[in-house]
N, C-alpha and C. Protein backbone atom coordinates (compact mmCIF):
# COMPACT_ATOMS: atom_id res chain seq x y z
N UNK A 1 -0.36 115.86 -57.22
CA UNK A 1 0.60 117.33 -57.64
C UNK A 1 -0.45 118.42 -58.24
N UNK A 2 -0.12 119.63 -58.03
CA UNK A 2 -1.22 120.78 -58.57
C UNK A 2 0.01 121.64 -59.32
N UNK A 3 -0.28 121.75 -60.26
CA UNK A 3 0.94 122.83 -61.36
C UNK A 3 -0.01 123.49 -61.91
N UNK A 4 0.67 124.69 -62.27
CA UNK A 4 -0.24 125.85 -62.88
C UNK A 4 0.45 126.17 -64.24
N UNK A 5 -0.64 126.18 -65.10
CA UNK A 5 0.14 126.09 -66.58
C UNK A 5 -0.95 127.04 -67.60
N UNK A 6 -0.71 127.23 -67.90
CA UNK A 6 -1.23 128.66 -69.45
C UNK A 6 -1.60 127.62 -70.80
N UNK A 7 -2.41 127.66 -71.44
CA UNK A 7 -2.77 127.74 -72.61
C UNK A 7 -2.84 128.38 -73.85
N UNK A 8 -3.68 127.73 -74.99
CA UNK A 8 -4.14 128.91 -76.21
C UNK A 8 -5.46 127.69 -76.81
N UNK A 9 -6.24 128.27 -77.02
CA UNK A 9 -6.67 127.47 -77.76
C UNK A 9 -6.60 126.45 -78.84
N UNK A 10 -5.33 126.29 -79.70
CA UNK A 10 -4.62 125.89 -80.52
C UNK A 10 -3.94 125.14 -80.15
N UNK A 11 -3.48 124.86 -78.07
CA UNK A 11 -2.83 123.64 -77.96
C UNK A 11 -3.19 122.39 -77.66
N UNK A 12 -4.85 122.97 -77.11
CA UNK A 12 -5.97 122.53 -75.97
C UNK A 12 -5.93 120.65 -76.59
N UNK A 13 -6.07 120.27 -77.97
CA UNK A 13 -5.74 119.32 -78.69
C UNK A 13 -4.52 117.88 -77.93
N UNK A 14 -3.47 118.56 -78.42
CA UNK A 14 -2.53 118.10 -78.00
C UNK A 14 -2.21 117.71 -76.58
N UNK A 15 -2.68 118.83 -75.81
CA UNK A 15 -3.18 118.74 -73.60
C UNK A 15 -3.58 117.07 -74.08
N UNK A 16 -5.00 117.53 -74.48
CA UNK A 16 -6.00 116.63 -74.11
C UNK A 16 -5.64 115.07 -74.37
N UNK A 17 -4.49 114.74 -76.03
CA UNK A 17 -4.12 113.94 -76.43
C UNK A 17 -3.16 113.20 -75.19
N UNK A 18 -2.14 113.96 -74.70
CA UNK A 18 -1.31 113.04 -74.03
C UNK A 18 -2.47 112.81 -72.62
N UNK A 19 -3.24 113.68 -71.94
CA UNK A 19 -3.54 113.68 -70.80
C UNK A 19 -5.04 112.71 -71.11
N UNK A 20 -4.97 111.82 -72.36
CA UNK A 20 -6.42 110.77 -72.74
C UNK A 20 -5.41 109.74 -72.23
N UNK A 21 -3.90 109.39 -72.66
CA UNK A 21 -3.05 108.40 -72.27
C UNK A 21 -2.75 107.51 -70.98
N UNK A 22 -2.84 109.07 -70.21
CA UNK A 22 -2.71 108.99 -68.51
C UNK A 22 -3.97 107.87 -68.36
N UNK A 23 -3.34 106.86 -66.87
CA UNK A 23 -4.65 106.03 -66.49
C UNK A 23 -4.71 106.35 -65.16
N UNK A 24 -4.50 107.80 -64.91
CA UNK A 24 -5.25 108.39 -63.34
C UNK A 24 -6.01 109.61 -64.22
N UNK A 25 -6.45 109.69 -63.10
CA UNK A 25 -7.74 111.41 -63.00
C UNK A 25 -6.68 112.88 -62.87
N UNK A 26 -7.58 113.18 -64.00
CA UNK A 26 -6.28 114.96 -63.71
C UNK A 26 -7.72 115.89 -64.24
N UNK A 27 -7.31 116.66 -63.62
CA UNK A 27 -8.52 117.66 -63.89
C UNK A 27 -8.09 119.03 -63.56
N UNK A 28 -8.88 120.10 -64.29
CA UNK A 28 -7.87 121.55 -64.36
C UNK A 28 -9.19 122.37 -64.45
N UNK A 29 -8.76 123.06 -63.68
CA UNK A 29 -9.63 124.35 -63.49
C UNK A 29 -9.16 125.72 -62.94
N UNK A 30 -9.85 127.21 -62.84
CA UNK A 30 -10.02 127.87 -62.29
C UNK A 30 -10.72 128.75 -62.32
N UNK A 31 -10.56 129.86 -60.86
CA UNK A 31 -11.75 130.17 -60.61
C UNK A 31 -13.07 128.85 -59.63
N UNK A 32 -14.04 128.62 -59.39
CA UNK A 32 -15.11 127.62 -59.68
C UNK A 32 -14.75 126.96 -59.91
N UNK A 33 -14.94 126.89 -61.34
CA UNK A 33 -15.06 125.66 -62.67
C UNK A 33 -13.85 124.32 -62.42
N UNK A 34 -14.42 123.13 -62.64
CA UNK A 34 -13.28 122.23 -62.50
C UNK A 34 -13.78 121.14 -64.00
N UNK A 35 -12.97 120.81 -64.61
CA UNK A 35 -13.08 119.92 -65.83
C UNK A 35 -12.51 118.54 -66.14
N UNK A 36 -13.19 117.66 -65.87
CA UNK A 36 -11.67 116.58 -66.56
C UNK A 36 -11.36 117.31 -67.86
N UNK A 37 -9.57 117.39 -67.12
CA UNK A 37 -8.58 117.49 -68.39
C UNK A 37 -8.87 116.51 -69.95
N UNK A 38 -9.65 115.53 -69.56
CA UNK A 38 -9.04 114.31 -71.41
C UNK A 38 -10.76 114.36 -71.82
N UNK A 39 -11.02 115.95 -71.46
CA UNK A 39 -12.42 116.15 -72.49
C UNK A 39 -11.80 117.65 -73.17
N UNK A 40 -11.98 117.36 -74.36
CA UNK A 40 -11.56 118.26 -75.07
C UNK A 40 -12.87 119.63 -74.89
N UNK A 41 -13.56 118.60 -75.34
CA UNK A 41 -15.07 120.28 -74.52
C UNK A 41 -15.09 120.98 -73.89
N UNK A 42 -14.61 120.16 -72.34
CA UNK A 42 -14.48 120.32 -70.97
C UNK A 42 -13.04 121.64 -70.92
N UNK A 43 -11.66 121.38 -71.93
CA UNK A 43 -11.40 122.20 -71.50
C UNK A 43 -10.72 123.51 -72.25
N UNK A 44 -12.04 122.80 -73.56
CA UNK A 44 -11.36 123.88 -74.87
C UNK A 44 -12.59 125.04 -74.34
N UNK A 45 -14.07 124.89 -73.09
CA UNK A 45 -14.50 125.83 -72.18
C UNK A 45 -13.95 126.23 -71.58
N UNK A 46 -12.80 126.34 -71.30
CA UNK A 46 -11.76 127.32 -70.18
C UNK A 46 -11.66 128.27 -70.93
N UNK A 47 -11.07 129.68 -69.42
CA UNK A 47 -11.11 130.73 -69.83
C UNK A 47 -9.37 130.53 -69.94
N UNK A 48 -8.89 131.03 -71.37
CA UNK A 48 -7.50 130.34 -71.58
C UNK A 48 -6.97 132.34 -71.31
N UNK A 49 -7.27 133.40 -70.90
CA UNK A 49 -6.63 134.45 -70.57
C UNK A 49 -5.98 134.57 -69.52
N UNK A 50 -6.84 133.13 -68.86
CA UNK A 50 -7.07 132.72 -66.79
C UNK A 50 -5.19 132.05 -66.70
N UNK A 51 -4.60 131.99 -65.49
CA UNK A 51 -3.85 130.94 -65.66
C UNK A 51 -4.67 129.27 -65.11
N UNK A 52 -3.99 128.52 -65.43
CA UNK A 52 -5.08 126.81 -64.93
C UNK A 52 -4.08 126.70 -64.85
N UNK A 53 -5.19 125.79 -63.27
CA UNK A 53 -4.72 124.50 -62.29
C UNK A 53 -4.87 123.16 -62.67
N UNK A 54 -3.82 122.58 -62.75
CA UNK A 54 -3.54 120.65 -62.80
C UNK A 54 -3.81 120.80 -61.99
N UNK A 55 -4.02 119.06 -61.57
CA UNK A 55 -4.32 117.98 -60.71
C UNK A 55 -4.40 117.10 -60.56
N UNK A 56 -3.82 116.35 -60.20
CA UNK A 56 -2.99 114.82 -60.79
C UNK A 56 -2.49 114.07 -59.97
N UNK A 57 -2.75 112.54 -59.48
CA UNK A 57 -1.60 112.10 -58.64
C UNK A 57 -1.49 110.50 -59.26
N UNK A 58 -0.88 110.73 -60.35
CA UNK A 58 -0.28 110.01 -60.90
C UNK A 58 1.17 110.25 -61.63
N UNK A 59 2.42 109.30 -62.58
CA UNK A 59 3.11 109.87 -62.86
C UNK A 59 3.00 109.42 -63.80
N UNK A 60 3.64 110.64 -65.59
CA UNK A 60 3.99 110.04 -66.69
C UNK A 60 4.73 110.91 -67.26
N UNK A 61 5.65 110.35 -67.75
CA UNK A 61 6.83 111.18 -68.25
C UNK A 61 5.95 112.30 -69.50
N UNK A 62 5.07 111.39 -70.73
CA UNK A 62 4.76 113.12 -71.27
C UNK A 62 3.86 113.33 -71.09
N UNK A 63 2.93 113.40 -69.84
CA UNK A 63 2.19 114.73 -69.36
C UNK A 63 3.40 115.32 -68.00
N UNK A 64 4.62 115.06 -67.98
CA UNK A 64 5.54 115.76 -67.36
C UNK A 64 5.68 117.06 -68.17
N UNK A 65 6.71 116.55 -69.46
CA UNK A 65 6.70 117.06 -70.38
C UNK A 65 5.82 118.30 -70.72
N UNK A 66 4.73 117.73 -70.64
CA UNK A 66 3.37 118.48 -71.41
C UNK A 66 3.74 119.81 -70.45
N UNK A 67 3.49 119.90 -68.73
CA UNK A 67 2.72 121.00 -67.64
C UNK A 67 4.40 121.37 -67.60
N UNK A 68 5.63 121.10 -68.31
CA UNK A 68 6.71 121.99 -67.99
C UNK A 68 7.14 123.00 -68.84
N UNK A 69 6.21 121.81 -70.05
CA UNK A 69 6.93 123.05 -71.47
C UNK A 69 5.54 124.21 -71.47
N UNK A 70 4.25 124.02 -71.12
CA UNK A 70 3.46 125.04 -70.62
C UNK A 70 3.55 125.58 -69.33
N UNK A 71 4.21 125.63 -68.28
CA UNK A 71 4.15 126.32 -66.84
C UNK A 71 4.48 127.73 -66.39
N UNK A 72 3.71 128.37 -65.94
CA UNK A 72 3.69 129.61 -65.95
C UNK A 72 4.74 129.53 -64.45
N UNK A 73 5.95 131.26 -64.04
CA UNK A 73 5.79 131.20 -62.59
C UNK A 73 5.12 131.81 -61.59
N UNK A 74 4.08 131.28 -60.97
CA UNK A 74 3.46 131.92 -59.87
C UNK A 74 3.89 132.73 -58.25
């Protein structure tokens, strides 16, 4: 699945906490930068002024709730 979200620097820790509990790969990217969504430093280094795209191939209810709360309309 692919979702578009927007994060602030203050929300990175809670985002990484939720993604770290998932047993499948989750990537987050914008433009040509792709990082592991379970990496605090990787996610924190992204440009938060831009929409971020999250790509994943599994299901976790906490992750879905988190992505829904940060989703932006495209």
